Every structure is written in structure tokens, then in C-alpha cells.
Amino acid sequence: MSRYIAVAALSLVVARPAAAQDPVVTPPPEIAAESLPPSNYPWLLGYFPYVAGGMGGGPVAAVRLRYFQPAPYDERQTYRAEVVAELGIGFHGSRFAELRYRAPLLSEELRVSARLLARRNTRDTYFGLGNDTEFDRELEDVQEFAYRVHRTRYVGSLELSRRIVGRLKIAGLGAVANDRYFQLADESVFQNEFGADLDQTDVSGRAALVLDLRDNEFDPTAGILLDAGFQAGSGAGNYTRVYGLGRMYRRLGSRMMVTARLGASQLYGDPPLAAHFEIPAWESTLRVYGGSTNRALRSGRFGGEGILLGSLDVRRELLLTRNALSVTALAFVDAGRVFQDEKLRLTTEDMAVGGGLGLAVRILRSTTVIGYVAKGPDGVKLNVGAGWTY
């Protein structure tokens, strides 16, 4: 796609009137599209409305504006840099605003990612901490706010990644986050554990080593991604964290592939409540445990000081038309657990296991929409999301 954009841009230059028809003057040679420096590729603007979920207990009407510079067609990324602004409003006064800047091809050695977020979710979920927390559907029917909490969150972060050698990188992240929680009912799980409200500010830093051997970043089909890091923050008191994440992608024939993910994280000290439900992975924050980490569970279903997780997908391409459109069927299983008031250990005991089927549709080389149905400890879950889970 970006190659065609480059050709179109060049045509505006090449299509000028020819040089004076003096036989002494030698006309300039024709410029090849491949000779256009990637740094000179035009910046493009895209904008579209969409409907998302997960805020206010219902759908969110949102709009996204994206100003980006395409990357060469054979790059592992589809863009050199982008600025993305998103605004959304949901039910019961929920809303969010987010501004992101990402430059994965800033140079051969350096890439940068920055983010500003303001979000108010008037019906966020909270089921408690620990692996033995329960979800009682009958209780939720009687008391709608039993597992709900009003949460306002502000985040600012900046991450720089620098290549050491080959595909090995070192990445440093600095972040500031403020979370305010308010009870929605006297008999909610949050109110029973924390009272009427909780206000926490966390200033943190994280250093990580990243080995990225994937064939590409927008839709990997081969290779591995390893990410291991150390985090320190202020939180409710001082705290630290160590974590490790690994992803594997392997083709089995021309249309079938297997993907797998393993991860673990352990907190020490006095972390804020939010840190129990996320891992500061490279260039993204991994929400645990539930949602993208276990597709059969609600987002944030389990939280704890220690987290152990794993996923296995089998994907089969049903339709592929030279990166213009692809349709893929998938079967998956997710398993994991959290540890609270006990240290992380390798075990298969008390795992929350869920599995299901899904269908993914990818348009061009960037937009992937996935719908799936999954069954786990809390019953059946249906969901539609954007982008691969991992």
C-alpha cells in the first residue's frame, strides 16, 4: 500500500512539463519509486467513528483520528510514525480521551512510544484480590453494583527502546498514574475492602530487555518475542516488580499456524491497587487476569501480587487475497491464576481455564477485527475486539 502511495506522490513531481526541448539539454533520468527516501513518504490523515465496549456497563461511541507516515512495503511495521487521538463517551457519564505517539522506525537504532490518557468509568469491575474470589451472577442480579466501582484514571508515559545488537533491544519506561475509586453501593466488594473511596498516585520506572524475532509486527506468523523487565514505583508505598513474557508463532503448512504465550509477574513491597491488575509490558500494558489474558473471563476478573498465565491458539486461514483481505478461524485455550499473600510458583493447581472459537477478519495490513465465543469458570462469554490478543 505504501509503495502505491509513494508512486502517486512521485507522479505529481514527474508529471511536470518536460525540460526545454533544446537538443543540447539532457533530460533527467526517470525517478524510480524505490528511490524515494522513506523519511520523505507523505503523512496521511485517517478518521472514523466506531463502537467499543467495556465502559459504563455498555457500549462506547468513539472517534479516532490518525495522522501517520507509511513505512516501506517490506518493513516489519506498516508505518514509520503515527499520532493517534481518540475520544469516547459511554453510558452513565463514562468517557475517555487518549493521545498516543509512536515511532517504531524513528531510526535504525531508536524507537519511541508516548501516551496520555484520561478515563472515567462509572461502572468498572472489581471482584477482589486473590485467586479464590467469586462471581455470583444471582447476587449481581439482585445488587447490580456488587462487583462495580466508579474509577477515574489519568496516565502519562514515555518509553524509549534502543537496539543493542541484531533484534535485541533495551527499553526504558517512565510513567505517572493517578487512580481514584468510589464505591457505588454499601454492599459492594470494593466497599467491603476499601471503604467509600481510594486515591492513589504511582510514579514508576521500568527497564526491560526485548528480543524480537517475529517476521513482522502487524500480523506475525513466525518467530518469537521475549520481554523481561524490572519495575520500581512509589504506589501506596515503595514497591518493585519482576516479570517475563514470551510469545511464539509457528506455521504448520501454508494455511495453518500455532501461537503460544507464557507469562509471569511478581510484585514486592506495597504496590497500588492498579498494579495488581496489569503488567507493564514492552510498548503496551497487559491487563490481567481476564479479558485479553483469558478470553473466557471478564476483564480484571482476578488480580494479585503474583500472576501466572498461558495461552495456545490454533489458527486456520480460510481466505487470503494478497494482504487486501484475510479471514482466519481460530480455536484457543487460556489458563492462569494469581497469587495473593503468597509468592508466585510454577503450578497447575487452581488454574482458571477457558477455551473457545473465533473468527478474525483482517483488512489490508493493519485492521483486524475478531469475534469469539468462550466458556470458562464464569460461564459463556461473547466478545468482539480489534487486533490479535497477542
Protein backbone atom coordinates (compact mmCIF):
# COMPACT_ATOMS: atom_id res chain seq x y z
CA MET A 1 0.00 0.00 0.00
CA SER A 2 2.74 2.46 0.96
CA ARG A 3 4.54 1.69 -2.31
CA TYR A 4 1.50 2.80 -4.27
CA ILE A 5 1.26 5.95 -2.15
CA ALA A 6 4.88 6.70 -2.98
CA VAL A 7 4.23 6.20 -6.71
CA ALA A 8 1.25 8.54 -6.55
CA ALA A 9 3.31 11.20 -4.81
CA LEU A 10 6.10 10.86 -7.34
CA SER A 11 3.68 11.18 -10.24
CA LEU A 12 2.90 14.71 -9.08
CA VAL A 13 6.57 15.55 -9.35
CA VAL A 14 7.44 13.68 -12.53
CA ALA A 15 4.34 14.90 -14.40
CA ARG A 16 5.66 18.49 -14.67
CA PRO A 17 6.33 19.97 -18.14
CA ALA A 18 9.37 18.46 -19.76
CA ALA A 19 12.66 20.34 -19.86
CA ALA A 20 13.24 22.78 -22.71
CA GLN A 21 13.44 20.86 -25.94
CA ASP A 22 16.95 22.09 -26.67
CA PRO A 23 18.85 19.11 -28.08
CA VAL A 24 21.86 20.18 -26.02
CA VAL A 25 19.96 19.67 -22.75
CA THR A 26 19.91 16.08 -21.49
CA PRO A 27 16.60 15.30 -19.71
CA PRO A 28 16.92 13.94 -16.14
CA PRO A 29 16.59 10.17 -15.72
CA GLU A 30 13.22 8.83 -14.59
CA ILE A 31 12.93 8.53 -10.80
CA ALA A 32 12.09 5.03 -9.51
CA ALA A 33 9.57 4.74 -6.71
CA GLU A 34 12.02 2.67 -4.68
CA SER A 35 14.47 5.60 -4.66
CA LEU A 36 12.15 7.80 -2.58
CA PRO A 37 13.65 8.02 0.94
CA PRO A 38 11.19 6.58 3.50
CA SER A 39 11.63 9.73 5.59
CA ASN A 40 10.03 11.67 2.72
CA TYR A 41 6.93 9.50 2.49
CA PRO A 42 3.82 11.69 2.82
CA TRP A 43 1.92 11.93 6.10
CA LEU A 44 -1.69 10.80 5.80
CA LEU A 45 -4.79 11.55 7.86
CA GLY A 46 -7.45 8.98 8.68
CA TYR A 47 -10.50 9.31 10.87
CA PHE A 48 -13.52 7.15 11.57
CA PRO A 49 -16.15 6.52 14.24
CA TYR A 50 -16.51 3.15 15.93
CA VAL A 51 -18.31 1.42 18.77
CA ALA A 52 -16.34 -0.18 21.60
CA GLY A 53 -17.27 -1.78 24.91
CA GLY A 54 -16.07 -2.06 28.46
CA MET A 55 -17.07 1.33 29.93
CA GLY A 56 -20.17 2.34 31.85
CA GLY A 57 -21.55 -1.17 31.69
CA GLY A 58 -22.34 -0.85 27.96
CA PRO A 59 -21.12 0.26 24.53
CA VAL A 60 -18.98 3.33 23.94
CA ALA A 61 -19.39 5.65 20.96
CA ALA A 62 -15.92 6.78 19.92
CA VAL A 63 -13.99 8.50 17.16
CA ARG A 64 -10.35 8.00 16.18
CA LEU A 65 -8.10 10.41 14.29
CA ARG A 66 -4.81 9.03 13.00
CA TYR A 67 -2.04 11.07 11.37
CA PHE A 68 0.66 8.69 10.17
CA GLN A 69 3.60 8.22 7.85
CA PRO A 70 3.60 4.90 5.95
CA ALA A 71 6.60 2.61 6.03
CA PRO A 72 8.16 0.86 3.03
CA TYR A 73 6.13 -2.16 1.96
CA ASP A 74 8.73 -4.70 3.02
CA GLU A 75 9.18 -3.29 6.56
CA ARG A 76 8.10 -5.21 9.66
CA GLN A 77 5.84 -2.27 10.51
CA THR A 78 3.14 -0.67 8.36
CA TYR A 79 4.06 2.86 9.49
CA ARG A 80 7.18 4.84 10.42
CA ALA A 81 5.40 7.07 12.94
CA GLU A 82 1.87 7.96 13.98
CA VAL A 83 -0.11 10.34 16.16
CA VAL A 84 -3.47 8.93 17.29
CA ALA A 85 -6.19 10.82 19.15
CA GLU A 86 -9.31 9.04 20.44
CA LEU A 87 -12.42 10.33 22.19
CA GLY A 88 -15.29 8.25 23.51
CA ILE A 89 -18.45 8.54 25.57
CA GLY A 90 -20.43 5.74 27.15
CA PHE A 91 -23.37 5.23 29.47
CA HIS A 92 -23.82 6.79 32.93
CA GLY A 93 -21.27 9.56 32.33
CA SER A 94 -18.36 7.34 31.33
CA ARG A 95 -15.89 8.88 28.90
CA PHE A 96 -12.26 8.84 27.83
CA ALA A 97 -9.68 10.81 25.86
CA GLU A 98 -6.35 9.39 24.73
CA LEU A 99 -3.40 10.76 22.76
CA ARG A 100 -0.61 8.46 21.55
CA TYR A 101 2.60 8.97 19.64
CA ARG A 102 4.53 6.01 18.31
CA ALA A 103 7.60 5.96 16.09
CA PRO A 104 8.81 2.36 15.66
CA LEU A 105 11.08 3.42 12.78
CA LEU A 106 12.38 6.66 14.24
CA SER A 107 15.84 5.43 13.27
CA GLU A 108 17.62 2.13 12.81
CA GLU A 109 18.64 2.19 16.46
CA LEU A 110 15.82 4.00 18.30
CA ARG A 111 12.04 3.84 18.67
CA VAL A 112 9.72 5.82 20.92
CA SER A 113 6.22 5.44 22.35
CA ALA A 114 4.33 8.06 24.38
CA ARG A 115 0.81 8.16 25.82
CA LEU A 116 -1.60 10.46 27.64
CA LEU A 117 -4.89 9.06 28.94
CA ALA A 118 -7.84 10.44 30.88
CA ARG A 119 -10.67 8.00 31.56
CA ARG A 120 -13.74 7.87 33.76
CA ASN A 121 -15.51 4.53 34.02
CA THR A 122 -18.60 4.78 36.19
CA ARG A 123 -19.18 1.00 36.10
CA ASP A 124 -15.71 -0.53 36.26
CA THR A 125 -15.45 -4.10 37.56
CA TYR A 126 -13.86 -5.16 40.82
CA PHE A 127 -14.11 -8.73 42.12
CA GLY A 128 -11.42 -8.51 44.80
CA LEU A 129 -7.84 -9.71 45.13
CA GLY A 130 -6.68 -13.30 45.16
CA ASN A 131 -7.29 -16.50 43.27
CA ASP A 132 -10.31 -17.52 45.36
CA THR A 133 -12.53 -14.52 44.52
CA GLU A 134 -16.05 -15.49 43.46
CA PHE A 135 -18.50 -14.22 40.87
CA ASP A 136 -22.13 -14.81 41.85
CA ARG A 137 -24.48 -14.00 38.96
CA GLU A 138 -27.53 -14.20 41.22
CA LEU A 139 -26.00 -11.64 43.59
CA GLU A 140 -25.28 -9.36 40.64
CA ASP A 141 -28.91 -9.64 39.53
CA VAL A 142 -30.08 -8.55 42.98
CA GLN A 143 -27.37 -5.96 43.65
CA GLU A 144 -26.19 -4.53 40.33
CA PHE A 145 -23.19 -2.78 41.91
CA ALA A 146 -21.89 -5.76 43.89
CA TYR A 147 -18.88 -6.09 41.55
CA ARG A 148 -18.76 -2.49 40.32
CA VAL A 149 -16.78 0.62 41.25
CA HIS A 150 -16.50 4.16 39.88
CA ARG A 151 -12.92 4.67 38.67
CA THR A 152 -11.19 7.77 37.30
CA ARG A 153 -7.72 7.27 35.84
CA TYR A 154 -5.04 9.62 34.47
CA VAL A 155 -1.86 8.25 32.89
CA GLY A 156 1.18 9.75 31.23
CA SER A 157 4.04 7.56 29.96
CA LEU A 158 7.12 7.69 27.75
CA GLU A 159 9.11 4.70 26.53
CA LEU A 160 12.38 4.65 24.61
CA SER A 161 13.74 1.47 23.04
CA ARG A 162 17.27 1.18 21.69
CA ARG A 163 18.79 -1.64 19.69
CA ILE A 164 21.77 -3.32 21.32
CA VAL A 165 22.66 -5.86 18.64
CA GLY A 166 20.59 -7.59 15.99
CA ARG A 167 16.98 -7.86 17.23
CA LEU A 168 17.93 -7.41 20.89
CA LYS A 169 16.75 -4.14 22.48
CA ILE A 170 16.84 -2.41 25.82
CA ALA A 171 13.74 -0.40 26.73
CA GLY A 172 13.17 2.19 29.44
CA LEU A 173 9.71 3.34 30.54
CA GLY A 174 8.72 6.22 32.81
CA ALA A 175 5.09 6.64 33.89
CA VAL A 176 2.86 8.64 36.21
CA ALA A 177 -0.63 7.37 37.04
CA ASN A 178 -3.40 8.56 39.32
CA ASP A 179 -6.37 6.34 40.16
CA ARG A 180 -9.43 7.34 42.16
CA TYR A 181 -12.06 4.78 43.14
CA PHE A 182 -15.52 5.48 44.58
CA GLN A 183 -18.00 2.98 45.94
CA LEU A 184 -21.30 2.55 44.12
CA ALA A 185 -23.09 0.58 46.83
CA ASP A 186 -22.68 -0.18 50.53
CA GLU A 187 -22.55 -3.92 49.94
CA SER A 188 -20.11 -3.95 47.05
CA VAL A 189 -16.86 -5.94 47.15
CA PHE A 190 -14.87 -2.71 46.83
CA GLN A 191 -16.68 -1.02 49.73
CA ASN A 192 -16.15 -4.04 51.96
CA GLU A 193 -12.38 -3.98 51.32
CA PHE A 194 -11.52 -0.28 50.96
CA GLY A 195 -14.44 1.77 52.21
CA ALA A 196 -16.04 4.68 50.38
CA ASP A 197 -13.09 5.75 48.21
CA LEU A 198 -9.42 5.25 47.42
CA ASP A 199 -7.00 7.73 45.84
CA GLN A 200 -3.53 6.53 44.74
CA THR A 201 -0.76 8.10 42.68
CA ASP A 202 2.05 5.98 41.28
CA VAL A 203 5.33 7.24 39.80
CA SER A 204 7.20 4.32 38.29
CA GLY A 205 10.09 3.34 36.06
CA ARG A 206 10.75 0.11 34.22
CA ALA A 207 13.77 -1.34 32.41
CA ALA A 208 13.39 -4.31 30.08
CA LEU A 209 15.30 -6.47 27.64
CA VAL A 210 13.39 -7.35 24.49
CA LEU A 211 14.29 -9.98 21.89
CA ASP A 212 12.01 -9.64 18.86
CA LEU A 213 12.49 -12.36 16.22
CA ARG A 214 9.00 -12.12 14.67
CA ASP A 215 8.71 -11.90 10.89
CA ASN A 216 6.61 -8.74 11.25
CA GLU A 217 4.82 -6.79 13.98
CA PHE A 218 1.39 -6.14 12.47
CA ASP A 219 0.46 -9.82 11.84
CA PRO A 220 3.26 -12.18 12.91
CA THR A 221 3.27 -15.70 11.51
CA ALA A 222 6.74 -16.88 12.57
CA GLY A 223 9.30 -16.21 15.27
CA ILE A 224 9.33 -15.34 18.97
CA LEU A 225 9.07 -12.26 21.18
CA LEU A 226 10.70 -12.31 24.62
CA ASP A 227 10.21 -9.47 27.10
CA ALA A 228 11.67 -9.42 30.63
CA GLY A 229 11.82 -6.44 32.93
CA PHE A 230 12.19 -4.85 36.36
CA GLN A 231 9.87 -2.12 37.65
CA ALA A 232 10.09 0.17 40.66
CA GLY A 233 7.46 2.64 41.80
CA SER A 234 6.05 4.74 44.61
CA GLY A 235 2.49 3.39 44.66
CA ALA A 236 0.79 3.04 48.04
CA GLY A 237 4.34 2.74 49.40
CA ASN A 238 7.52 1.73 47.59
CA TYR A 239 7.26 -1.40 45.51
CA THR A 240 9.13 -3.40 42.88
CA ARG A 241 8.19 -5.97 40.26
CA VAL A 242 9.92 -8.53 38.06
CA TYR A 243 8.17 -10.04 35.07
CA GLY A 244 8.74 -12.13 31.97
CA LEU A 245 6.61 -12.67 28.87
CA GLY A 246 7.16 -14.89 25.85
CA ARG A 247 5.24 -15.32 22.59
CA MET A 248 5.80 -17.91 19.85
CA TYR A 249 4.46 -18.10 16.29
CA ARG A 250 4.95 -21.12 14.02
CA ARG A 251 3.40 -22.12 10.71
CA LEU A 252 2.17 -25.67 10.09
CA GLY A 253 1.78 -25.78 6.34
CA SER A 254 0.66 -22.94 4.09
CA ARG A 255 -2.59 -22.01 5.91
CA MET A 256 -2.31 -23.30 9.48
CA MET A 257 -0.30 -21.90 12.35
CA VAL A 258 0.12 -22.33 16.10
CA THR A 259 0.76 -19.48 18.53
CA ALA A 260 1.52 -19.62 22.25
CA ARG A 261 2.08 -17.19 25.11
CA LEU A 262 3.55 -17.67 28.57
CA GLY A 263 3.99 -15.04 31.26
CA ALA A 264 4.67 -14.45 34.93
CA SER A 265 4.91 -11.41 37.20
CA GLN A 266 5.65 -10.88 40.90
CA LEU A 267 5.18 -7.73 42.99
CA TYR A 268 7.08 -6.89 46.17
CA GLY A 269 6.53 -4.18 48.77
CA ASP A 270 3.38 -2.05 48.87
CA PRO A 271 2.02 -1.65 45.32
CA PRO A 272 -1.10 0.38 44.44
CA LEU A 273 -4.33 -1.42 43.64
CA ALA A 274 -3.97 -0.84 39.89
CA ALA A 275 -0.59 -2.64 39.80
CA HIS A 276 -2.32 -5.90 40.83
CA PHE A 277 -4.19 -5.90 37.52
CA GLU A 278 -1.55 -5.02 34.95
CA ILE A 279 1.92 -5.86 33.70
CA PRO A 280 3.98 -3.01 32.11
CA ALA A 281 4.91 -4.99 29.01
CA TRP A 282 7.01 -3.55 26.19
CA GLU A 283 5.10 -0.80 24.32
CA SER A 284 1.80 -1.84 25.93
CA THR A 285 0.19 -2.59 29.27
CA LEU A 286 -1.07 -6.14 29.68
CA ARG A 287 -4.37 -6.24 31.60
CA VAL A 288 -4.68 -9.23 33.97
CA TYR A 289 -6.23 -11.54 34.75
CA GLY A 290 -9.16 -11.85 32.36
CA GLY A 291 -10.15 -10.29 29.07
CA SER A 292 -7.13 -10.30 26.75
CA THR A 293 -5.26 -12.68 29.07
CA ASN A 294 -8.17 -15.12 29.45
CA ARG A 295 -10.86 -14.65 26.84
CA ALA A 296 -13.41 -16.66 28.84
CA LEU A 297 -13.28 -14.21 31.78
CA ARG A 298 -14.32 -10.61 32.28
CA SER A 299 -11.53 -8.05 32.17
CA GLY A 300 -9.82 -7.80 35.57
CA ARG A 301 -11.63 -10.86 36.91
CA PHE A 302 -8.61 -11.85 39.04
CA GLY A 303 -5.87 -9.64 40.48
CA GLY A 304 -2.93 -10.39 42.72
CA GLU A 305 0.70 -9.76 43.62
CA GLY A 306 1.78 -12.75 41.53
CA ILE A 307 0.45 -13.75 38.13
CA LEU A 308 1.00 -16.89 36.04
CA LEU A 309 -0.61 -17.17 32.60
CA GLY A 310 -0.53 -19.13 29.36
CA SER A 311 -2.41 -19.29 26.06
CA LEU A 312 -2.44 -21.56 23.00
CA ASP A 313 -4.10 -20.71 19.67
CA VAL A 314 -4.53 -22.77 16.51
CA ARG A 315 -5.34 -20.57 13.52
CA ARG A 316 -6.51 -21.60 10.05
CA GLU A 317 -6.62 -19.16 7.15
CA LEU A 318 -9.89 -19.53 5.23
CA LEU A 319 -9.32 -16.69 2.78
CA LEU A 320 -6.23 -14.72 1.80
CA THR A 321 -6.02 -12.15 -1.01
CA ARG A 322 -2.50 -10.68 -1.11
CA ASN A 323 -2.76 -8.61 2.07
CA ALA A 324 -6.01 -6.95 0.93
CA LEU A 325 -8.35 -9.21 2.92
CA SER A 326 -7.95 -12.31 5.04
CA VAL A 327 -10.37 -14.42 7.07
CA THR A 328 -8.99 -16.71 9.77
CA ALA A 329 -10.73 -19.22 12.05
CA LEU A 330 -9.16 -19.92 15.44
CA ALA A 331 -9.52 -22.26 18.39
CA PHE A 332 -7.91 -21.29 21.67
CA VAL A 333 -7.39 -22.21 25.29
CA ASP A 334 -6.28 -19.82 28.06
CA ALA A 335 -5.15 -20.80 31.54
CA GLY A 336 -3.73 -18.93 34.50
CA ARG A 337 -4.04 -17.86 38.10
CA VAL A 338 -2.98 -15.15 40.53
CA PHE A 339 -1.20 -15.27 43.89
CA GLN A 340 -2.11 -13.01 46.80
CA ASP A 341 -0.35 -13.14 50.18
CA GLU A 342 1.82 -15.90 48.75
CA LYS A 343 4.73 -15.93 46.35
CA LEU A 344 4.47 -16.89 42.71
CA ARG A 345 5.28 -20.52 41.98
CA LEU A 346 5.08 -22.84 38.99
CA THR A 347 1.91 -24.87 39.41
CA THR A 348 -1.19 -26.07 37.61
CA GLU A 349 -3.33 -26.05 40.77
CA ASP A 350 -6.44 -23.86 40.89
CA MET A 351 -5.98 -22.62 37.35
CA ALA A 352 -8.80 -20.66 35.71
CA VAL A 353 -9.10 -22.42 32.35
CA GLY A 354 -11.21 -21.24 29.42
CA GLY A 355 -11.45 -22.08 25.75
CA GLY A 356 -13.39 -21.14 22.67
CA LEU A 357 -13.66 -20.46 18.95
CA GLY A 358 -13.29 -17.26 16.99
CA LEU A 359 -13.25 -15.66 13.55
CA ALA A 360 -10.80 -12.93 12.55
CA VAL A 361 -11.13 -10.60 9.57
CA ARG A 362 -8.12 -8.51 8.54
CA ILE A 363 -8.43 -5.62 6.07
CA LEU A 364 -5.25 -4.52 4.30
CA ARG A 365 -2.26 -4.96 6.63
CA SER A 366 -3.40 -3.25 9.81
CA THR A 367 -7.05 -3.54 10.81
CA THR A 368 -8.04 -6.87 12.37
CA VAL A 369 -11.49 -7.48 13.88
CA ILE A 370 -12.03 -10.65 15.91
CA GLY A 371 -15.25 -12.11 17.26
CA TYR A 372 -15.24 -15.11 19.56
CA VAL A 373 -17.25 -17.22 21.97
CA ALA A 374 -15.55 -18.74 25.02
CA LYS A 375 -16.54 -20.84 28.01
CA GLY A 376 -14.81 -20.76 31.38
CA PRO A 377 -15.37 -20.82 35.14
CA ASP A 378 -17.92 -17.97 34.99
CA GLY A 379 -19.92 -19.35 32.07
CA VAL A 380 -20.13 -18.36 28.41
CA LYS A 381 -18.72 -15.08 27.10
CA LEU A 382 -19.19 -13.41 23.71
CA ASN A 383 -16.93 -10.61 22.56
CA VAL A 384 -15.80 -8.59 19.54
CA GLY A 385 -12.46 -6.80 19.62
CA ALA A 386 -9.81 -5.16 17.47
CA GLY A 387 -6.39 -6.74 16.95
CA TRP A 388 -4.94 -10.09 17.85
CA THR A 389 -4.90 -10.95 21.55
CA TYR A 390 -1.14 -11.47 21.27
